PDB file of N, CA and C in Angstrom:
ATOM      1  N   MET A   1       5.554  21.537  -5.790  1.00  0.00           N
ATOM      2  CA  MET A   1       4.157  21.715  -5.377  1.00  0.00           C
ATOM      3  C   MET A   1       3.834  23.458  -5.602  1.00  0.00           C
ATOM      4  N   LYS A   2       3.028  23.579  -5.757  1.00  0.00           N
ATOM      5  CA  LYS A   2       2.626  24.880  -5.376  1.00  0.00           C
ATOM      6  C   LYS A   2       2.064  25.032  -4.011  1.00  0.00           C
ATOM      7  N   ASN A   3       2.099  25.928  -3.498  1.00  0.00           N
ATOM      8  CA  ASN A   3       1.915  26.359  -1.789  1.00  0.00           C
ATOM      9  C   ASN A   3       0.159  26.430  -2.219  1.00  0.00           C
ATOM     10  N   GLY A   4      -0.330  25.689  -1.264  1.00  0.00           N
ATOM     11  CA  GLY A   4      -1.957  25.086  -1.541  1.00  0.00           C
ATOM     12  C   GLY A   4      -1.847  24.387  -2.480  1.00  0.00           C
ATOM     13  N   GLY A   5      -1.177  23.354  -2.977  1.00  0.00           N
ATOM     14  CA  GLY A   5      -1.593  22.525  -3.911  1.00  0.00           C
ATOM     15  C   GLY A   5      -2.180  20.960  -3.244  1.00  0.00           C
ATOM     16  N   TYR A   6      -2.416  20.122  -4.167  1.00  0.00           N
ATOM     17  CA  TYR A   6      -2.943  19.071  -3.499  1.00  0.00           C
ATOM     18  C   TYR A   6      -1.455  17.895  -4.533  1.00  0.00           C
ATOM     19  N   ALA A   7      -1.798  16.786  -3.877  1.00  0.00           N
ATOM     20  CA  ALA A   7      -0.993  15.778  -4.088  1.00  0.00           C
ATOM     21  C   ALA A   7      -1.971  14.685  -3.740  1.00  0.00           C
ATOM     22  N   TYR A   8      -1.760  13.681  -5.296  1.00  0.00           N
ATOM     23  CA  TYR A   8      -3.223  12.631  -5.229  1.00  0.00           C
ATOM     24  C   TYR A   8      -2.023  11.450  -5.687  1.00  0.00           C
ATOM     25  N   ILE A   9      -1.792  10.046  -4.353  1.00  0.00           N
ATOM     26  CA  ILE A   9      -0.680   9.069  -4.379  1.00  0.00           C
ATOM     27  C   ILE A   9      -1.932   7.769  -4.356  1.00  0.00           C
ATOM     28  N   ALA A  10      -1.985   7.134  -5.547  1.00  0.00           N
ATOM     29  CA  ALA A  10      -2.375   5.816  -5.392  1.00  0.00           C
ATOM     30  C   ALA A  10      -1.134   4.377  -5.339  1.00  0.00           C
ATOM     31  N   ILE A  11      -1.352   3.683  -4.212  1.00  0.00           N
ATOM     32  CA  ILE A  11      -0.077   2.739  -4.462  1.00  0.00           C
ATOM     33  C   ILE A  11      -0.747   1.593  -3.497  1.00  0.00           C
ATOM     34  N   ALA A  12      -0.725   0.433  -4.656  1.00  0.00           N
ATOM     35  CA  ALA A  12      -0.734  -1.058  -3.886  1.00  0.00           C
ATOM     36  C   ALA A  12      -0.943  -0.757  -2.372  1.00  0.00           C
ATOM     37  N   GLY A  13      -2.125  -1.160  -1.422  1.00  0.00           N
ATOM     38  CA  GLY A  13      -1.481  -1.374  -0.329  1.00  0.00           C
ATOM     39  C   GLY A  13      -2.255  -2.884   0.423  1.00  0.00           C
ATOM     40  N   MET A  14      -1.716  -2.544   1.390  1.00  0.00           N
ATOM     41  CA  MET A  14      -1.734  -4.004   2.239  1.00  0.00           C
ATOM     42  C   MET A  14      -2.886  -3.817   3.320  1.00  0.00           C
ATOM     43  N   LYS A  15      -3.811  -4.375   3.944  1.00  0.00           N
ATOM     44  CA  LYS A  15      -4.636  -4.319   4.991  1.00  0.00           C
ATOM     45  C   LYS A  15      -4.289  -4.465   6.027  1.00  0.00           C
ATOM     46  N   LYS A  16      -2.848  -5.081   6.444  1.00  0.00           N
ATOM     47  CA  LYS A  16      -2.250  -4.912   7.704  1.00  0.00           C
ATOM     48  C   LYS A  16      -0.391  -5.122   7.328  1.00  0.00           C
ATOM     49  N   ASP A  17      -0.106  -4.276   7.812  1.00  0.00           N
ATOM     50  CA  ASP A  17       1.927  -4.099   7.277  1.00  0.00           C
ATOM     51  C   ASP A  17       2.409  -5.331   8.107  1.00  0.00           C
ATOM     52  N   CYS A  18       3.083  -6.158   7.288  1.00  0.00           N
ATOM     53  CA  CYS A  18       3.209  -7.444   7.498  1.00  0.00           C
ATOM     54  C   CYS A  18       4.941  -7.446   6.784  1.00  0.00           C
ATOM     55  N   HIS A  19       5.284  -6.298   7.318  1.00  0.00           N
ATOM     56  CA  HIS A  19       6.894  -6.546   6.881  1.00  0.00           C
ATOM     57  C   HIS A  19       8.056  -7.170   7.832  1.00  0.00           C
ATOM     58  N   ALA A  20       7.459  -6.849   8.709  1.00  0.00           N
ATOM     59  CA  ALA A  20       8.602  -7.780   9.808  1.00  0.00           C
ATOM     60  C   ALA A  20       8.571  -9.240   9.506  1.00  0.00           C
ATOM     61  N   LYS A  21       7.595  -9.548   8.984  1.00  0.00           N
ATOM     62  CA  LYS A  21       7.368 -11.243   8.536  1.00  0.00           C
ATOM     63  C   LYS A  21       6.875 -11.457   7.284  1.00  0.00           C
ATOM     64  N   LEU A  22       7.373 -11.391   6.028  1.00  0.00           N
ATOM     65  CA  LEU A  22       6.922 -11.022   4.728  1.00  0.00           C
ATOM     66  C   LEU A  22       6.484 -12.693   4.823  1.00  0.00           C
ATOM     67  N   PRO A  23       4.998 -12.706   4.334  1.00  0.00           N
ATOM     68  CA  PRO A  23       4.507 -14.093   3.703  1.00  0.00           C
ATOM     69  C   PRO A  23       4.943 -14.516   2.770  1.00  0.00           C
ATOM     70  N   GLN A  24       5.454 -15.651   2.355  1.00  0.00           N
ATOM     71  CA  GLN A  24       5.619 -16.970   1.561  1.00  0.00           C
ATOM     72  C   GLN A  24       5.165 -16.438   0.036  1.00  0.00           C
ATOM     73  N   GLU A  25       3.684 -15.852   0.155  1.00  0.00           N
ATOM     74  CA  GLU A  25       2.662 -15.725  -1.014  1.00  0.00           C
ATOM     75  C   GLU A  25       2.987 -14.572  -1.734  1.00  0.00           C
ATOM     76  N   LEU A  26       3.628 -13.654  -1.075  1.00  0.00           N
ATOM     77  CA  LEU A  26       4.067 -12.248  -1.071  1.00  0.00           C
ATOM     78  C   LEU A  26       5.306 -12.342  -2.276  1.00  0.00           C
ATOM     79  N   LEU A  27       6.290 -13.124  -1.605  1.00  0.00           N
ATOM     80  CA  LEU A  27       7.196 -13.538  -2.609  1.00  0.00           C
ATOM     81  C   LEU A  27       7.373 -14.434  -3.681  1.00  0.00           C
ATOM     82  N   LEU A  28       6.009 -14.599  -3.789  1.00  0.00           N
ATOM     83  CA  LEU A  28       6.188 -15.089  -5.454  1.00  0.00           C
ATOM     84  C   LEU A  28       5.774 -14.626  -6.312  1.00  0.00           C
ATOM     85  N   SER A  29       5.582 -13.417  -5.969  1.00  0.00           N
ATOM     86  CA  SER A  29       5.396 -12.136  -7.026  1.00  0.00           C
ATOM     87  C   SER A  29       5.909 -11.132  -6.961  1.00  0.00           C
ATOM     88  N   TRP A  30       7.134 -10.834  -5.619  1.00  0.00           N
ATOM     89  CA  TRP A  30       7.329  -9.524  -5.562  1.00  0.00           C
ATOM     90  C   TRP A  30       8.974  -9.841  -4.799  1.00  0.00           C
ATOM     91  N   THR A  31       9.680  -8.906  -4.851  1.00  0.00           N
ATOM     92  CA  THR A  31      11.182  -9.477  -4.231  1.00  0.00           C
ATOM     93  C   THR A  31      10.777  -8.427  -2.627  1.00  0.00           C
ATOM     94  N   PRO A  32      11.578  -8.486  -1.827  1.00  0.00           N
ATOM     95  CA  PRO A  32      11.306  -7.850  -0.265  1.00  0.00           C
ATOM     96  C   PRO A  32      11.155  -6.169  -0.692  1.00  0.00           C
ATOM     97  N   GLU A  33      12.088  -5.887  -1.800  1.00  0.00           N
ATOM     98  CA  GLU A  33      12.569  -4.418  -2.051  1.00  0.00           C
ATOM     99  C   GLU A  33      11.640  -4.080  -2.749  1.00  0.00           C
ATOM    100  N   GLN A  34      10.613  -4.748  -3.563  1.00  0.00           N
ATOM    101  CA  GLN A  34       9.629  -4.629  -3.802  1.00  0.00           C
ATOM    102  C   GLN A  34       8.482  -3.994  -3.397  1.00  0.00           C
ATOM    103  N   LEU A  35       8.533  -4.986  -1.926  1.00  0.00           N
ATOM    104  CA  LEU A  35       7.506  -4.750  -0.935  1.00  0.00           C
ATOM    105  C   LEU A  35       7.934  -3.611  -0.423  1.00  0.00           C
ATOM    106  N   GLU A  36       8.924  -2.473  -0.466  1.00  0.00           N
ATOM    107  CA  GLU A  36       9.131  -2.122   0.644  1.00  0.00           C
ATOM    108  C   GLU A  36       7.861  -0.615   0.285  1.00  0.00           C
ATOM    109  N   TYR A  37       7.391  -0.416  -0.604  1.00  0.00           N
ATOM    110  CA  TYR A  37       6.902   0.823  -0.773  1.00  0.00           C
ATOM    111  C   TYR A  37       4.982   0.276  -0.494  1.00  0.00           C
ATOM    112  N   MET A  38       5.051  -1.325  -0.125  1.00  0.00           N
ATOM    113  CA  MET A  38       3.461  -1.304  -0.350  1.00  0.00           C
ATOM    114  C   MET A  38       3.400  -1.673   1.442  1.00  0.00           C
ATOM    115  N   HIS A  39       2.467  -0.366   1.905  1.00  0.00           N
ATOM    116  CA  HIS A  39       1.956  -0.570   3.326  1.00  0.00           C
ATOM    117  C   HIS A  39       0.612  -0.155   3.455  1.00  0.00           C
ATOM    118  N   ASP A  40      -0.100  -0.442   4.713  1.00  0.00           N
ATOM    119  CA  ASP A  40      -1.231  -0.392   5.526  1.00  0.00           C
ATOM    120  C   ASP A  40      -1.439   1.411   5.249  1.00  0.00           C
ATOM    121  N   VAL A  41      -3.021   1.144   5.715  1.00  0.00           N
ATOM    122  CA  VAL A  41      -3.389   2.913   5.263  1.00  0.00           C
ATOM    123  C   VAL A  41      -2.674   3.364   6.851  1.00  0.00           C
ATOM    124  N   GLN A  42      -2.461   3.114   8.190  1.00  0.00           N
ATOM    125  CA  GLN A  42      -2.045   3.444   9.208  1.00  0.00           C
ATOM    126  C   GLN A  42      -0.426   4.238   8.954  1.00  0.00           C
ATOM    127  N   TRP A  43       0.094   3.235   8.235  1.00  0.00           N
ATOM    128  CA  TRP A  43       1.752   3.349   8.115  1.00  0.00           C
ATOM    129  C   TRP A  43       1.757   4.598   7.447  1.00  0.00           C
ATOM    130  N   TRP A  44       0.623   4.578   6.066  1.00  0.00           N
ATOM    131  CA  TRP A  44       1.146   5.991   5.066  1.00  0.00           C
ATOM    132  C   TRP A  44       0.619   6.994   6.148  1.00  0.00           C
ATOM    133  N   ASN A  45      -0.346   7.121   6.556  1.00  0.00           N
ATOM    134  CA  ASN A  45      -1.148   8.260   7.836  1.00  0.00           C
ATOM    135  C   ASN A  45       0.035   8.609   8.508  1.00  0.00           C
ATOM    136  N   ASN A  46       0.997   7.711   9.261  1.00  0.00           N
ATOM    137  CA  ASN A  46       2.051   7.887   9.819  1.00  0.00           C
ATOM    138  C   ASN A  46       2.923   8.693   9.553  1.00  0.00           C
ATOM    139  N   ILE A  47       3.473   8.213   8.000  1.00  0.00           N
ATOM    140  CA  ILE A  47       4.606   8.529   7.347  1.00  0.00           C
ATOM    141  C   ILE A  47       3.872  10.294   7.358  1.00  0.00           C
ATOM    142  N   VAL A  48       2.589  10.304   6.324  1.00  0.00           N
ATOM    143  CA  VAL A  48       2.690  11.716   5.528  1.00  0.00           C
ATOM    144  C   VAL A  48       2.218  12.442   7.204  1.00  0.00           C
ATOM    145  N   SER A  49       1.618  12.357   8.023  1.00  0.00           N
ATOM    146  CA  SER A  49       1.287  13.470   9.205  1.00  0.00           C
ATOM    147  C   SER A  49       2.895  13.883   9.722  1.00  0.00           C
ATOM    148  N   LYS A  50       3.463  13.229   9.487  1.00  0.00           N
ATOM    149  CA  LYS A  50       5.042  14.237   9.652  1.00  0.00           C
ATOM    150  C   LYS A  50       5.548  14.908   9.187  1.00  0.00           C
ATOM    151  N   SER A  51       4.933  15.731   8.308  1.00  0.00           N
ATOM    152  CA  SER A  51       5.496  16.972   7.281  1.00  0.00           C
ATOM    153  C   SER A  51       4.397  18.023   7.991  1.00  0.00           C
ATOM    154  N   LYS A  52       5.264  19.069   8.382  1.00  0.00           N
ATOM    155  CA  LYS A  52       4.929  20.132   9.138  1.00  0.00           C
ATOM    156  C   LYS A  52       3.910  21.067   7.927  1.00  0.00           C
ATOM    157  N   ASP A  53       4.739  20.693   6.733  1.00  0.00           N
ATOM    158  CA  ASP A  53       4.021  21.274   5.589  1.00  0.00           C
ATOM    159  C   ASP A  53       2.694  20.833   4.528  1.00  0.00           C
ATOM    160  N   CYS A  54       2.231  19.860   5.662  1.00  0.00           N
ATOM    161  CA  CYS A  54       1.543  19.276   4.945  1.00  0.00           C
ATOM    162  C   CYS A  54       0.082  19.098   5.438  1.00  0.00           C
ATOM    163  N   ASP A  55      -1.451  18.979   4.961  1.00  0.00           N
ATOM    164  CA  ASP A  55      -2.709  19.013   5.846  1.00  0.00           C
ATOM    165  C   ASP A  55      -3.006  17.555   5.060  1.00  0.00           C
ATOM    166  N   ILE A  56      -3.276  16.500   5.906  1.00  0.00           N
ATOM    167  CA  ILE A  56      -3.795  15.280   4.966  1.00  0.00           C
ATOM    168  C   ILE A  56      -5.538  15.864   4.850  1.00  0.00           C
ATOM    169  N   VAL A  57      -5.918  15.686   3.766  1.00  0.00           N
ATOM    170  CA  VAL A  57      -7.565  15.549   4.014  1.00  0.00           C
ATOM    171  C   VAL A  57      -8.100  14.337   3.634  1.00  0.00           C
ATOM    172  N   GLU A  58      -7.517  13.112   3.153  1.00  0.00           N
ATOM    173  CA  GLU A  58      -8.087  11.830   3.456  1.00  0.00           C
ATOM    174  C   GLU A  58      -7.202  10.858   2.558  1.00  0.00           C
ATOM    175  N   ILE A  59      -6.836   9.671   3.743  1.00  0.00           N
ATOM    176  CA  ILE A  59      -5.606   8.709   3.343  1.00  0.00           C
ATOM    177  C   ILE A  59      -6.829   7.442   3.633  1.00  0.00           C
ATOM    178  N   LYS A  60      -7.400   6.805   2.707  1.00  0.00           N
ATOM    179  CA  LYS A  60      -7.983   5.727   2.421  1.00  0.00           C
ATOM    180  C   LYS A  60      -7.554   4.516   1.847  1.00  0.00           C
ATOM    181  N   GLU A  61      -8.267   3.178   1.887  1.00  0.00           N
ATOM    182  CA  GLU A  61      -8.222   1.968   1.144  1.00  0.00           C
ATOM    183  C   GLU A  61      -9.102   2.022  -0.315  1.00  0.00           C
ATOM    184  N   MET A  62      -8.408   1.938  -1.088  1.00  0.00           N
ATOM    185  CA  MET A  62      -9.304   1.781  -2.593  1.00  0.00           C
ATOM    186  C   MET A  62     -10.265   0.923  -2.615  1.00  0.00           C
ATOM    187  N   GLU A  63     -11.605   1.447  -3.260  1.00  0.00           N
ATOM    188  CA  GLU A  63     -12.383   0.911  -2.858  1.00  0.00           C
ATOM    189  C   GLU A  63     -12.384  -0.519  -3.555  1.00  0.00           C
ATOM    190  N   SER A  64     -11.486  -0.376  -4.714  1.00  0.00           N
ATOM    191  CA  SER A  64     -11.305  -2.083  -5.399  1.00  0.00           C
ATOM    192  C   SER A  64     -10.103  -2.786  -4.388  1.00  0.00           C
ATOM    193  N   ASN A  65      -9.862  -2.209  -3.478  1.00  0.00           N
ATOM    194  CA  ASN A  65      -8.445  -2.878  -2.800  1.00  0.00           C
ATOM    195  C   ASN A  65      -9.129  -4.463  -2.557  1.00  0.00           C
ATOM    196  N   ASP A  66     -10.111  -4.930  -2.119  1.00  0.00           N
ATOM    197  CA  ASP A  66     -10.601  -6.280  -1.776  1.00  0.00           C
ATOM    198  C   ASP A  66     -10.212  -7.320  -3.103  1.00  0.00           C
ATOM    199  N   GLU A  67     -10.817  -6.473  -4.211  1.00  0.00           N
ATOM    200  CA  GLU A  67     -11.591  -7.193  -5.784  1.00  0.00           C
ATOM    201  C   GLU A  67      -9.726  -7.217  -6.242  1.00  0.00           C
ATOM    202  N   VAL A  68      -8.960  -6.393  -6.178  1.00  0.00           N
ATOM    203  CA  VAL A  68      -7.401  -6.276  -6.755  1.00  0.00           C
ATOM    204  C   VAL A  68      -6.667  -7.673  -5.864  1.00  0.00           C
ATOM    205  N   TRP A  69      -6.704  -7.771  -4.580  1.00  0.00           N
ATOM    206  CA  TRP A  69      -6.232  -8.753  -4.025  1.00  0.00           C
ATOM    207  C   TRP A  69      -6.733 -10.085  -3.774  1.00  0.00           C
ATOM    208  N   ASN A  70      -8.046 -10.412  -4.160  1.00  0.00           N
ATOM    209  CA  ASN A  70      -8.549 -11.350  -4.361  1.00  0.00           C
ATOM    210  C   ASN A  70      -8.122 -12.065  -5.868  1.00  0.00           C
ATOM    211  N   ASP A  71      -8.096 -11.239  -7.064  1.00  0.00           N
ATOM    212  CA  ASP A  71      -8.015 -11.570  -8.287  1.00  0.00           C
ATOM    213  C   ASP A  71      -6.512 -11.938  -8.406  1.00  0.00           C
ATOM    214  N   TRP A  72      -5.194 -11.519  -7.258  1.00  0.00           N
ATOM    215  CA  TRP A  72      -3.924 -11.613  -7.200  1.00  0.00           C
ATOM    216  C   TRP A  72      -3.918 -12.777  -6.621  1.00  0.00           C
ATOM    217  N   LEU A  73      -4.766 -13.104  -5.557  1.00  0.00           N
ATOM    218  CA  LEU A  73      -4.394 -13.841  -5.403  1.00  0.00           C
ATOM    219  C   LEU A  73      -4.897 -15.609  -5.874  1.00  0.00           C
ATOM    220  N   TYR A  74      -5.938 -15.200  -6.543  1.00  0.00           N
ATOM    221  CA  TYR A  74      -6.541 -16.602  -7.334  1.00  0.00           C
ATOM    222  C   TYR A  74      -5.524 -17.158  -8.459  1.00  0.00           C
ATOM    223  N   ARG A  75      -4.732 -15.605  -9.403  1.00  0.00           N
ATOM    224  CA  ARG A  75      -4.082 -15.963 -10.171  1.00  0.00           C
ATOM    225  C   ARG A  75      -2.628 -16.620  -9.741  1.00  0.00           C
ATOM    226  N   THR A  76      -2.370 -15.645  -8.371  1.00  0.00           N
ATOM    227  CA  THR A  76      -1.302 -16.487  -8.076  1.00  0.00           C
ATOM    228  C   THR A  76      -1.249 -17.845  -7.530  1.00  0.00           C
ATOM    229  N   MET A  77      -2.226 -18.525  -6.969  1.00  0.00           N
ATOM    230  CA  MET A  77      -2.388 -20.048  -6.365  1.00  0.00           C
ATOM    231  C   MET A  77      -2.959 -20.737  -7.675  1.00  0.00           C
ATOM    232  N   ASN A  78      -3.587 -20.248  -8.881  1.00  0.00           N
ATOM    233  CA  ASN A  78      -3.515 -21.304  -9.845  1.00  0.00           C
ATOM    234  C   ASN A  78      -1.946 -21.229 -10.966  1.00  0.00           C
ATOM    235  N   MET A  79      -1.064 -20.432 -10.278  1.00  0.00           N
ATOM    236  CA  MET A  79       0.018 -20.512 -11.059  1.00  0.00           C
ATOM    237  C   MET A  79       1.038 -21.463 -10.814  1.00  0.00           C
ATOM    238  N   GLN A  80       0.524 -22.251  -9.696  1.00  0.00           N
ATOM    239  CA  GLN A  80       1.625 -23.322  -9.111  1.00  0.00           C
ATOM    240  C   GLN A  80       1.283 -24.342  -9.517  1.00  0.00           C
TER     241      GLN A  80
END
């Protein structure tokens, strides 16, 4: 990345990090290894803020987060 450049990252996230005890519902769609990149906003802020060469402009939940999770939950529960 060029000095002074921007990085935009969009990753599916959690409302609250639950990696210490993954709910069985999540494991219906993903393996624990696949869930390693899915964390909450606070987790990502802690990771990115450790860089000395990075200024955080904004870290936030995507506007569609609730809708996407509700859609996933509806589909997952109706597949059983």
